[in-house]
Protein backbone atom coordinates (compact mmCIF):
# COMPACT_ATOMS: atom_id res chain seq x y z
CA MET A 1 0.08 5.77 -10.74
CA ASP A 2 1.26 7.90 -8.26
CA LEU A 3 3.31 8.08 -5.49
CA GLY A 4 1.07 6.54 -3.09
CA ILE A 5 0.58 3.67 -5.08
CA LEU A 6 3.69 2.84 -5.63
CA GLY A 7 4.53 2.94 -2.03
CA ALA A 8 2.55 1.19 -0.81
CA LEU A 9 3.26 -1.02 -2.97
CA ALA A 10 6.51 -1.42 -1.81
CA LEU A 11 5.86 -1.22 1.95
CA ILE A 12 3.80 -4.80 0.73
CA VAL A 13 6.36 -5.77 -1.07
CA ILE A 14 8.97 -5.26 1.77
CA TRP A 15 6.79 -6.84 4.04
CA ALA A 16 6.85 -9.91 1.92
CA VAL A 17 10.73 -10.34 0.86
CA VAL A 18 11.31 -9.89 5.53
CA ALA A 19 8.77 -11.77 6.35
CA LEU A 20 8.24 -14.84 4.57
CA GLY A 21 11.64 -15.12 3.55
CA PHE A 22 13.63 -13.87 6.97
CA ASN A 23 11.39 -14.52 9.81
CA GLY A 24 10.98 -11.29 10.47
CA PRO A 25 9.73 -9.50 13.78
CA GLY A 26 6.82 -9.18 14.91
CA TRP A 27 6.49 -5.21 14.14
CA ILE A 28 7.32 -6.18 11.01
CA HIS A 29 3.17 -7.08 9.92
CA LEU A 30 2.26 -3.38 10.46
CA LEU A 31 4.29 -2.65 7.04
CA LEU A 32 1.76 -5.07 5.92
CA THR A 33 -1.19 -2.94 7.38
CA VAL A 34 0.46 0.14 6.67
CA GLY A 35 1.19 -0.51 3.17
CA ILE A 36 -2.49 -2.60 2.55
CA ALA A 37 -4.55 0.65 3.88
CA THR A 38 -2.96 3.39 1.83
CA LEU A 39 -3.31 1.12 -1.52
CA ILE A 40 -7.00 1.04 -0.28
CA TRP A 41 -7.10 5.16 0.44
CA ARG A 42 -4.72 6.35 -2.57
CA VAL A 43 -7.35 4.35 -4.98
CA ALA A 44 -10.31 4.81 -3.76
CA ALA A 45 -9.07 8.50 -3.87
CA ARG A 46 -7.85 8.26 -7.18
CA THR A 47 -11.53 6.89 -7.95
CA ASN A 48 -13.07 9.82 -6.69
CA ALA A 49 -11.49 12.75 -7.81
CA SER A 50 -11.79 10.54 -12.17
CA LYS A 51 -15.37 10.89 -11.24
CA GLY A 52 -15.36 14.08 -9.95
CA LYS A 53 -13.91 15.12 -13.88
CA ARG A 54 -16.17 13.97 -16.17
CA GLN A 55 -19.09 15.44 -14.66
C-alpha cells in the first residue's frame, strides 16, 4: 500500500467524521470527492504498474 492510498483513505475518514458526526459545512464534501478520485487513481496506477512488471 502506498502513501497515495493511505492519504485517500485518511481524507475519506476525515470526511465521514466531520460530515456525519458534526454536521460540517458544505465544502467538507470536497474531501470526499478528492479522496475517492485519489483512491481510484492510485489503485489504477498501481494495477498498471504491476501489469508492466509481469511482462
